[in-house]
Amino acid sequence: MSDPFRNHSFGPTGPAIGALAVTPSDSADLAQAVRAVTIGGEGGRLSFISSRDGQTYTTGELPPGTYPLCARRIRATGTTATGLTGWI
């Protein structure tokens, strides 16, 4: 199937162009920065390092769902949510 949008660029609110499984780590960045994270398992907190400003942020308790954020790392310390998928 051809993709008529292949040569279009998408802004930060556009559709994802890829996905990756996320394993939280305190030392390793993701293979690619993500624009959103889906919590597919148990809800909980997300702790991440922003790909924009390098700061660490931790959310409150979140239910399963998809959340927009710019992250280069999802930290093990402070993350209790499970079944994570990162959207590129």
PDB file of N, CA and C in Angstrom:
ATOM      1  N   MET A   1       0.847  -1.169   0.000  1.00  0.00           N
ATOM      2  CA  MET A   1       0.000   0.000   0.000  1.00  0.00           C
ATOM      3  C   MET A   1       0.891   1.230   0.000  1.00  0.00           C
ATOM      4  N   SER A   2       0.577   2.178  -0.831  1.00  0.00           N
ATOM      5  CA  SER A   2       1.359   3.409  -0.853  1.00  0.00           C
ATOM      6  C   SER A   2       0.915   4.325   0.285  1.00  0.00           C
ATOM      7  N   ASP A   3       1.824   5.167   0.722  1.00  0.00           N
ATOM      8  CA  ASP A   3       1.546   6.109   1.802  1.00  0.00           C
ATOM      9  C   ASP A   3       1.573   7.516   1.222  1.00  0.00           C
ATOM     10  N   PRO A   4       0.415   8.138   1.011  1.00  0.00           N
ATOM     11  CA  PRO A   4       0.400   9.466   0.404  1.00  0.00           C
ATOM     12  C   PRO A   4       0.983  10.552   1.317  1.00  0.00           C
ATOM     13  N   PHE A   5       1.222  10.225   2.575  1.00  0.00           N
ATOM     14  CA  PHE A   5       1.760  11.202   3.524  1.00  0.00           C
ATOM     15  C   PHE A   5       3.248  11.005   3.808  1.00  0.00           C
ATOM     16  N   ARG A   6       3.887  10.081   3.115  1.00  0.00           N
ATOM     17  CA  ARG A   6       5.281   9.723   3.381  1.00  0.00           C
ATOM     18  C   ARG A   6       6.221  10.929   3.362  1.00  0.00           C
ATOM     19  N   ASN A   7       5.986  11.866   2.491  1.00  0.00           N
ATOM     20  CA  ASN A   7       6.886  13.017   2.367  1.00  0.00           C
ATOM     21  C   ASN A   7       6.434  14.234   3.159  1.00  0.00           C
ATOM     22  N   HIS A   8       5.418  14.069   3.995  1.00  0.00           N
ATOM     23  CA  HIS A   8       4.941  15.166   4.834  1.00  0.00           C
ATOM     24  C   HIS A   8       5.652  15.128   6.182  1.00  0.00           C
ATOM     25  N   SER A   9       5.869  16.291   6.748  1.00  0.00           N
ATOM     26  CA  SER A   9       6.381  16.327   8.116  1.00  0.00           C
ATOM     27  C   SER A   9       5.198  16.576   9.043  1.00  0.00           C
ATOM     28  N   PHE A  10       5.281  16.023  10.241  1.00  0.00           N
ATOM     29  CA  PHE A  10       4.216  16.175  11.205  1.00  0.00           C
ATOM     30  C   PHE A  10       4.727  16.957  12.403  1.00  0.00           C
ATOM     31  N   GLY A  11       3.937  17.896  12.869  1.00  0.00           N
ATOM     32  CA  GLY A  11       4.282  18.675  14.046  1.00  0.00           C
ATOM     33  C   GLY A  11       4.047  17.870  15.312  1.00  0.00           C
ATOM     34  N   PRO A  12       4.274  18.493  16.459  1.00  0.00           N
ATOM     35  CA  PRO A  12       4.148  17.779  17.730  1.00  0.00           C
ATOM     36  C   PRO A  12       2.739  17.291  18.034  1.00  0.00           C
ATOM     37  N   THR A  13       1.728  17.835  17.378  1.00  0.00           N
ATOM     38  CA  THR A  13       0.363  17.365  17.609  1.00  0.00           C
ATOM     39  C   THR A  13      -0.104  16.413  16.518  1.00  0.00           C
ATOM     40  N   GLY A  14       0.770  16.114  15.562  1.00  0.00           N
ATOM     41  CA  GLY A  14       0.420  15.202  14.485  1.00  0.00           C
ATOM     42  C   GLY A  14       0.461  13.751  14.951  1.00  0.00           C
ATOM     43  N   PRO A  15       0.150  12.842  14.047  1.00  0.00           N
ATOM     44  CA  PRO A  15       0.127  11.425  14.410  1.00  0.00           C
ATOM     45  C   PRO A  15       1.533  10.900  14.698  1.00  0.00           C
ATOM     46  N   ALA A  16       1.597   9.852  15.497  1.00  0.00           N
ATOM     47  CA  ALA A  16       2.879   9.203  15.769  1.00  0.00           C
ATOM     48  C   ALA A  16       3.382   8.555  14.487  1.00  0.00           C
ATOM     49  N   ILE A  17       4.694   8.482  14.330  1.00  0.00           N
ATOM     50  CA  ILE A  17       5.279   7.844  13.153  1.00  0.00           C
ATOM     51  C   ILE A  17       5.995   6.550  13.518  1.00  0.00           C
ATOM     52  N   GLY A  18       5.950   6.183  14.783  1.00  0.00           N
ATOM     53  CA  GLY A  18       6.567   4.944  15.242  1.00  0.00           C
ATOM     54  C   GLY A  18       6.298   4.745  16.719  1.00  0.00           C
ATOM     55  N   ALA A  19       6.679   3.572  17.194  1.00  0.00           N
ATOM     56  CA  ALA A  19       6.471   3.235  18.606  1.00  0.00           C
ATOM     57  C   ALA A  19       7.604   2.341  19.082  1.00  0.00           C
ATOM     58  N   LEU A  20       7.810   2.312  20.389  1.00  0.00           N
ATOM     59  CA  LEU A  20       8.796   1.418  20.976  1.00  0.00           C
ATOM     60  C   LEU A  20       8.361   1.017  22.372  1.00  0.00           C
ATOM     61  N   ALA A  21       8.701  -0.217  22.730  1.00  0.00           N
ATOM     62  CA  ALA A  21       8.439  -0.676  24.092  1.00  0.00           C
ATOM     63  C   ALA A  21       9.371   0.084  25.029  1.00  0.00           C
ATOM     64  N   VAL A  22       8.879   0.472  26.177  1.00  0.00           N
ATOM     65  CA  VAL A  22       9.666   1.257  27.126  1.00  0.00           C
ATOM     66  C   VAL A  22       9.976   0.417  28.356  1.00  0.00           C
ATOM     67  N   THR A  23      11.261   0.284  28.639  1.00  0.00           N
ATOM     68  CA  THR A  23      11.722  -0.320  29.883  1.00  0.00           C
ATOM     69  C   THR A  23      12.349   0.795  30.701  1.00  0.00           C
ATOM     70  N   PRO A  24      11.728   1.180  31.803  1.00  0.00           N
ATOM     71  CA  PRO A  24      12.283   2.267  32.607  1.00  0.00           C
ATOM     72  C   PRO A  24      13.721   1.974  33.046  1.00  0.00           C
ATOM     73  N   SER A  25      14.563   3.012  33.004  1.00  0.00           N
ATOM     74  CA  SER A  25      15.966   2.883  33.381  1.00  0.00           C
ATOM     75  C   SER A  25      16.443   4.201  33.985  1.00  0.00           C
ATOM     76  N   ASP A  26      17.266   4.103  35.001  1.00  0.00           N
ATOM     77  CA  ASP A  26      17.847   5.311  35.586  1.00  0.00           C
ATOM     78  C   ASP A  26      19.122   5.750  34.870  1.00  0.00           C
ATOM     79  N   SER A  27      19.659   4.903  33.965  1.00  0.00           N
ATOM     80  CA  SER A  27      20.936   5.234  33.337  1.00  0.00           C
ATOM     81  C   SER A  27      20.916   5.265  31.813  1.00  0.00           C
ATOM     82  N   ALA A  28      19.931   4.637  31.177  1.00  0.00           N
ATOM     83  CA  ALA A  28      19.930   4.553  29.709  1.00  0.00           C
ATOM     84  C   ALA A  28      18.785   5.357  29.110  1.00  0.00           C
ATOM     85  N   ASP A  29      19.136   6.193  28.132  1.00  0.00           N
ATOM     86  CA  ASP A  29      18.111   6.912  27.386  1.00  0.00           C
ATOM     87  C   ASP A  29      17.365   5.932  26.482  1.00  0.00           C
ATOM     88  N   LEU A  30      16.181   6.331  26.051  1.00  0.00           N
ATOM     89  CA  LEU A  30      15.421   5.553  25.080  1.00  0.00           C
ATOM     90  C   LEU A  30      16.176   5.549  23.754  1.00  0.00           C
ATOM     91  N   ALA A  31      15.882   4.574  22.901  1.00  0.00           N
ATOM     92  CA  ALA A  31      16.523   4.522  21.590  1.00  0.00           C
ATOM     93  C   ALA A  31      16.226   5.780  20.785  1.00  0.00           C
ATOM     94  N   GLN A  32      15.080   6.375  21.032  1.00  0.00           N
ATOM     95  CA  GLN A  32      14.677   7.615  20.386  1.00  0.00           C
ATOM     96  C   GLN A  32      13.758   8.360  21.342  1.00  0.00           C
ATOM     97  N   ALA A  33      13.837   9.682  21.330  1.00  0.00           N
ATOM     98  CA  ALA A  33      12.944  10.477  22.176  1.00  0.00           C
ATOM     99  C   ALA A  33      11.500  10.223  21.754  1.00  0.00           C
ATOM    100  N   VAL A  34      10.596  10.268  22.730  1.00  0.00           N
ATOM    101  CA  VAL A  34       9.177  10.017  22.453  1.00  0.00           C
ATOM    102  C   VAL A  34       8.350  11.270  22.680  1.00  0.00           C
ATOM    103  N   ARG A  35       7.193  11.320  22.035  1.00  0.00           N
ATOM    104  CA  ARG A  35       6.270  12.456  22.153  1.00  0.00           C
ATOM    105  C   ARG A  35       5.067  12.140  23.006  1.00  0.00           C
ATOM    106  N   ALA A  36       4.907  10.842  23.337  1.00  0.00           N
ATOM    107  CA  ALA A  36       3.798  10.413  24.191  1.00  0.00           C
ATOM    108  C   ALA A  36       4.133   9.037  24.756  1.00  0.00           C
ATOM    109  N   VAL A  37       3.483   8.697  25.864  1.00  0.00           N
ATOM    110  CA  VAL A  37       3.639   7.382  26.482  1.00  0.00           C
ATOM    111  C   VAL A  37       2.254   6.829  26.772  1.00  0.00           C
ATOM    112  N   THR A  38       2.056   5.560  26.428  1.00  0.00           N
ATOM    113  CA  THR A  38       0.829   4.865  26.790  1.00  0.00           C
ATOM    114  C   THR A  38       1.111   3.958  27.975  1.00  0.00           C
ATOM    115  N   ILE A  39       0.272   4.064  28.991  1.00  0.00           N
ATOM    116  CA  ILE A  39       0.299   3.129  30.111  1.00  0.00           C
ATOM    117  C   ILE A  39      -0.729   2.061  29.765  1.00  0.00           C
ATOM    118  N   GLY A  40      -0.253   0.865  29.446  1.00  0.00           N
ATOM    119  CA  GLY A  40      -1.143  -0.201  29.023  1.00  0.00           C
ATOM    120  C   GLY A  40      -1.442  -1.214  30.101  1.00  0.00           C
ATOM    121  N   GLY A  41      -0.668  -1.182  31.172  1.00  0.00           N
ATOM    122  CA  GLY A  41      -0.862  -2.119  32.277  1.00  0.00           C
ATOM    123  C   GLY A  41      -1.469  -1.394  33.458  1.00  0.00           C
ATOM    124  N   GLU A  42      -0.869  -1.645  34.612  1.00  0.00           N
ATOM    125  CA  GLU A  42      -1.327  -0.972  35.827  1.00  0.00           C
ATOM    126  C   GLU A  42      -1.023   0.523  35.736  1.00  0.00           C
ATOM    127  N   GLY A  43      -1.978   1.307  36.175  1.00  0.00           N
ATOM    128  CA  GLY A  43      -1.735   2.743  36.253  1.00  0.00           C
ATOM    129  C   GLY A  43      -0.685   3.022  37.315  1.00  0.00           C
ATOM    130  N   GLY A  44      -0.236   4.241  37.387  1.00  0.00           N
ATOM    131  CA  GLY A  44       0.770   4.613  38.372  1.00  0.00           C
ATOM    132  C   GLY A  44       1.437   5.914  37.984  1.00  0.00           C
ATOM    133  N   ARG A  45       2.612   6.112  38.500  1.00  0.00           N
ATOM    134  CA  ARG A  45       3.373   7.338  38.230  1.00  0.00           C
ATOM    135  C   ARG A  45       4.365   7.117  37.089  1.00  0.00           C
ATOM    136  N   LEU A  46       4.697   8.215  36.405  1.00  0.00           N
ATOM    137  CA  LEU A  46       5.770   8.231  35.412  1.00  0.00           C
ATOM    138  C   LEU A  46       6.809   9.240  35.866  1.00  0.00           C
ATOM    139  N   SER A  47       8.052   8.838  35.845  1.00  0.00           N
ATOM    140  CA  SER A  47       9.155   9.753  36.099  1.00  0.00           C
ATOM    141  C   SER A  47       9.991   9.766  34.831  1.00  0.00           C
ATOM    142  N   PHE A  48      10.220  10.948  34.275  1.00  0.00           N
ATOM    143  CA  PHE A  48      10.921  11.021  32.991  1.00  0.00           C
ATOM    144  C   PHE A  48      11.854  12.217  32.937  1.00  0.00           C
ATOM    145  N   ILE A  49      12.819  12.120  32.026  1.00  0.00           N
ATOM    146  CA  ILE A  49      13.717  13.229  31.743  1.00  0.00           C
ATOM    147  C   ILE A  49      13.264  13.829  30.421  1.00  0.00           C
ATOM    148  N   SER A  50      12.970  15.108  30.444  1.00  0.00           N
ATOM    149  CA  SER A  50      12.471  15.809  29.268  1.00  0.00           C
ATOM    150  C   SER A  50      13.535  15.875  28.181  1.00  0.00           C
ATOM    151  N   SER A  51      13.111  15.626  26.941  1.00  0.00           N
ATOM    152  CA  SER A  51      14.030  15.786  25.814  1.00  0.00           C
ATOM    153  C   SER A  51      14.158  17.252  25.424  1.00  0.00           C
ATOM    154  N   ARG A  52      13.348  18.101  26.015  1.00  0.00           N
ATOM    155  CA  ARG A  52      13.395  19.536  25.716  1.00  0.00           C
ATOM    156  C   ARG A  52      14.356  20.288  26.621  1.00  0.00           C
ATOM    157  N   ASP A  53      14.205  20.101  27.938  1.00  0.00           N
ATOM    158  CA  ASP A  53      15.018  20.904  28.859  1.00  0.00           C
ATOM    159  C   ASP A  53      15.933  20.078  29.754  1.00  0.00           C
ATOM    160  N   GLY A  54      15.899  18.742  29.635  1.00  0.00           N
ATOM    161  CA  GLY A  54      16.782  17.887  30.427  1.00  0.00           C
ATOM    162  C   GLY A  54      16.394  17.749  31.888  1.00  0.00           C
ATOM    163  N   GLN A  55      15.286  18.351  32.279  1.00  0.00           N
ATOM    164  CA  GLN A  55      14.833  18.278  33.664  1.00  0.00           C
ATOM    165  C   GLN A  55      14.084  16.973  33.913  1.00  0.00           C
ATOM    166  N   THR A  56      14.071  16.541  35.169  1.00  0.00           N
ATOM    167  CA  THR A  56      13.334  15.354  35.574  1.00  0.00           C
ATOM    168  C   THR A  56      11.971  15.774  36.100  1.00  0.00           C
ATOM    169  N   TYR A  57      10.944  15.072  35.639  1.00  0.00           N
ATOM    170  CA  TYR A  57       9.569  15.332  36.063  1.00  0.00           C
ATOM    171  C   TYR A  57       8.938  14.027  36.518  1.00  0.00           C
ATOM    172  N   THR A  58       8.077  14.097  37.508  1.00  0.00           N
ATOM    173  CA  THR A  58       7.335  12.933  37.978  1.00  0.00           C
ATOM    174  C   THR A  58       5.872  13.313  38.075  1.00  0.00           C
ATOM    175  N   THR A  59       5.024  12.491  37.474  1.00  0.00           N
ATOM    176  CA  THR A  59       3.589  12.757  37.507  1.00  0.00           C
ATOM    177  C   THR A  59       2.991  12.255  38.807  1.00  0.00           C
ATOM    178  N   GLY A  60       1.750  12.602  39.047  1.00  0.00           N
ATOM    179  CA  GLY A  60       0.967  11.966  40.092  1.00  0.00           C
ATOM    180  C   GLY A  60       0.457  10.635  39.558  1.00  0.00           C
ATOM    181  N   GLU A  61      -0.411  10.010  40.305  1.00  0.00           N
ATOM    182  CA  GLU A  61      -0.997   8.738  39.874  1.00  0.00           C
ATOM    183  C   GLU A  61      -1.820   8.944  38.600  1.00  0.00           C
ATOM    184  N   LEU A  62      -1.565   8.111  37.591  1.00  0.00           N
ATOM    185  CA  LEU A  62      -2.278   8.186  36.323  1.00  0.00           C
ATOM    186  C   LEU A  62      -2.966   6.860  36.041  1.00  0.00           C
ATOM    187  N   PRO A  63      -4.172   6.892  35.493  1.00  0.00           N
ATOM    188  CA  PRO A  63      -4.824   5.652  35.078  1.00  0.00           C
ATOM    189  C   PRO A  63      -4.245   5.207  33.728  1.00  0.00           C
ATOM    190  N   PRO A  64      -4.492   3.960  33.311  1.00  0.00           N
ATOM    191  CA  PRO A  64      -4.056   3.551  31.977  1.00  0.00           C
ATOM    192  C   PRO A  64      -4.585   4.533  30.928  1.00  0.00           C
ATOM    193  N   GLY A  65      -3.756   4.821  29.930  1.00  0.00           N
ATOM    194  CA  GLY A  65      -4.131   5.763  28.880  1.00  0.00           C
ATOM    195  C   GLY A  65      -2.881   6.286  28.204  1.00  0.00           C
ATOM    196  N   THR A  66      -3.047   7.225  27.296  1.00  0.00           N
ATOM    197  CA  THR A  66      -1.931   7.819  26.561  1.00  0.00           C
ATOM    198  C   THR A  66      -1.757   9.266  26.995  1.00  0.00           C
ATOM    199  N   TYR A  67      -0.500   9.622  27.243  1.00  0.00           N
ATOM    200  CA  TYR A  67      -0.183  10.944  27.780  1.00  0.00           C
ATOM    201  C   TYR A  67       0.899  11.618  26.933  1.00  0.00           C
ATOM    202  N   PRO A  68       0.631  12.841  26.429  1.00  0.00           N
ATOM    203  CA  PRO A  68       1.646  13.552  25.654  1.00  0.00           C
ATOM    204  C   PRO A  68       2.744  14.067  26.574  1.00  0.00           C
ATOM    205  N   LEU A  69       3.977  13.834  26.177  1.00  0.00           N
ATOM    206  CA  LEU A  69       5.143  14.362  26.879  1.00  0.00           C
ATOM    207  C   LEU A  69       6.345  14.218  25.956  1.00  0.00           C
ATOM    208  N   CYS A  70       7.364  14.983  26.178  1.00  0.00           N
ATOM    209  CA  CYS A  70       8.608  14.870  25.407  1.00  0.00           C
ATOM    210  C   CYS A  70       9.656  14.285  26.339  1.00  0.00           C
ATOM    211  N   ALA A  71      10.052  13.042  26.088  1.00  0.00           N
ATOM    212  CA  ALA A  71      10.976  12.383  27.006  1.00  0.00           C
ATOM    213  C   ALA A  71      12.094  11.671  26.258  1.00  0.00           C
ATOM    214  N   ARG A  72      13.285  11.767  26.815  1.00  0.00           N
ATOM    215  CA  ARG A  72      14.414  10.995  26.293  1.00  0.00           C
ATOM    216  C   ARG A  72      14.701   9.782  27.157  1.00  0.00           C
ATOM    217  N   ARG A  73      14.160   9.786  28.402  1.00  0.00           N
ATOM    218  CA  ARG A  73      14.341   8.658  29.312  1.00  0.00           C
ATOM    219  C   ARG A  73      13.122   8.549  30.217  1.00  0.00           C
ATOM    220  N   ILE A  74      12.667   7.324  30.429  1.00  0.00           N
ATOM    221  CA  ILE A  74      11.660   7.039  31.443  1.00  0.00           C
ATOM    222  C   ILE A  74      12.429   6.400  32.593  1.00  0.00           C
ATOM    223  N   ARG A  75      12.430   7.042  33.726  1.00  0.00           N
ATOM    224  CA  ARG A  75      13.248   6.604  34.850  1.00  0.00           C
ATOM    225  C   ARG A  75      12.598   5.446  35.610  1.00  0.00           C
ATOM    226  N   ALA A  76      13.441   4.528  36.077  1.00  0.00           N
ATOM    227  CA  ALA A  76      12.953   3.428  36.919  1.00  0.00           C
ATOM    228  C   ALA A  76      12.552   3.969  38.288  1.00  0.00           C
ATOM    229  N   THR A  77      13.398   4.851  38.826  1.00  0.00           N
ATOM    230  CA  THR A  77      13.088   5.459  40.115  1.00  0.00           C
ATOM    231  C   THR A  77      11.922   6.415  39.944  1.00  0.00           C
ATOM    232  N   GLY A  78      10.847   6.168  40.634  1.00  0.00           N
ATOM    233  CA  GLY A  78       9.686   7.037  40.579  1.00  0.00           C
ATOM    234  C   GLY A  78       8.618   6.580  39.602  1.00  0.00           C
ATOM    235  N   THR A  79       8.934   5.626  38.715  1.00  0.00           N
ATOM    236  CA  THR A  79       7.927   5.110  37.783  1.00  0.00           C
ATOM    237  C   THR A  79       7.328   3.842  38.359  1.00  0.00           C
ATOM    238  N   THR A  80       5.995   3.856  38.525  1.00  0.00           N
ATOM    239  CA  THR A  80       5.293   2.676  39.014  1.00  0.00           C
ATOM    240  C   THR A  80       4.304   2.141  37.979  1.00  0.00           C
ATOM    241  N   ALA A  81       4.042   2.908  36.925  1.00  0.00           N
ATOM    242  CA  ALA A  81       3.143   2.465  35.857  1.00  0.00           C
ATOM    243  C   ALA A  81       3.798   1.323  35.077  1.00  0.00           C
ATOM    244  N   THR A  82       2.982   0.442  34.496  1.00  0.00           N
ATOM    245  CA  THR A  82       3.502  -0.717  33.768  1.00  0.00           C
ATOM    246  C   THR A  82       2.911  -0.772  32.355  1.00  0.00           C
ATOM    247  N   GLY A  83       3.492  -1.656  31.550  1.00  0.00           N
ATOM    248  CA  GLY A  83       3.014  -1.839  30.178  1.00  0.00           C
ATOM    249  C   GLY A  83       3.194  -0.596  29.346  1.00  0.00           C
ATOM    250  N   LEU A  84       4.395  -0.017  29.361  1.00  0.00           N
ATOM    251  CA  LEU A  84       4.632   1.287  28.734  1.00  0.00           C
ATOM    252  C   LEU A  84       5.025   1.160  27.254  1.00  0.00           C
ATOM    253  N   THR A  85       4.428   2.000  26.437  1.00  0.00           N
ATOM    254  CA  THR A  85       4.782   2.144  25.025  1.00  0.00           C
ATOM    255  C   THR A  85       5.096   3.604  24.771  1.00  0.00           C
ATOM    256  N   GLY A  86       6.208   3.868  24.112  1.00  0.00           N
ATOM    257  CA  GLY A  86       6.565   5.227  23.745  1.00  0.00           C
ATOM    258  C   GLY A  86       6.205   5.483  22.288  1.00  0.00           C
ATOM    259  N   TRP A  87       5.664   6.640  22.005  1.00  0.00           N
ATOM    260  CA  TRP A  87       5.254   7.017  20.653  1.00  0.00           C
ATOM    261  C   TRP A  87       6.184   8.091  20.103  1.00  0.00           C
ATOM    262  N   ILE A  88       6.669   7.865  18.913  1.00  0.00           N
ATOM    263  CA  ILE A  88       7.650   8.749  18.254  1.00  0.00           C
ATOM    264  C   ILE A  88       6.924   9.664  17.273  1.00  0.00           C
TER     265      ILE A  88
END
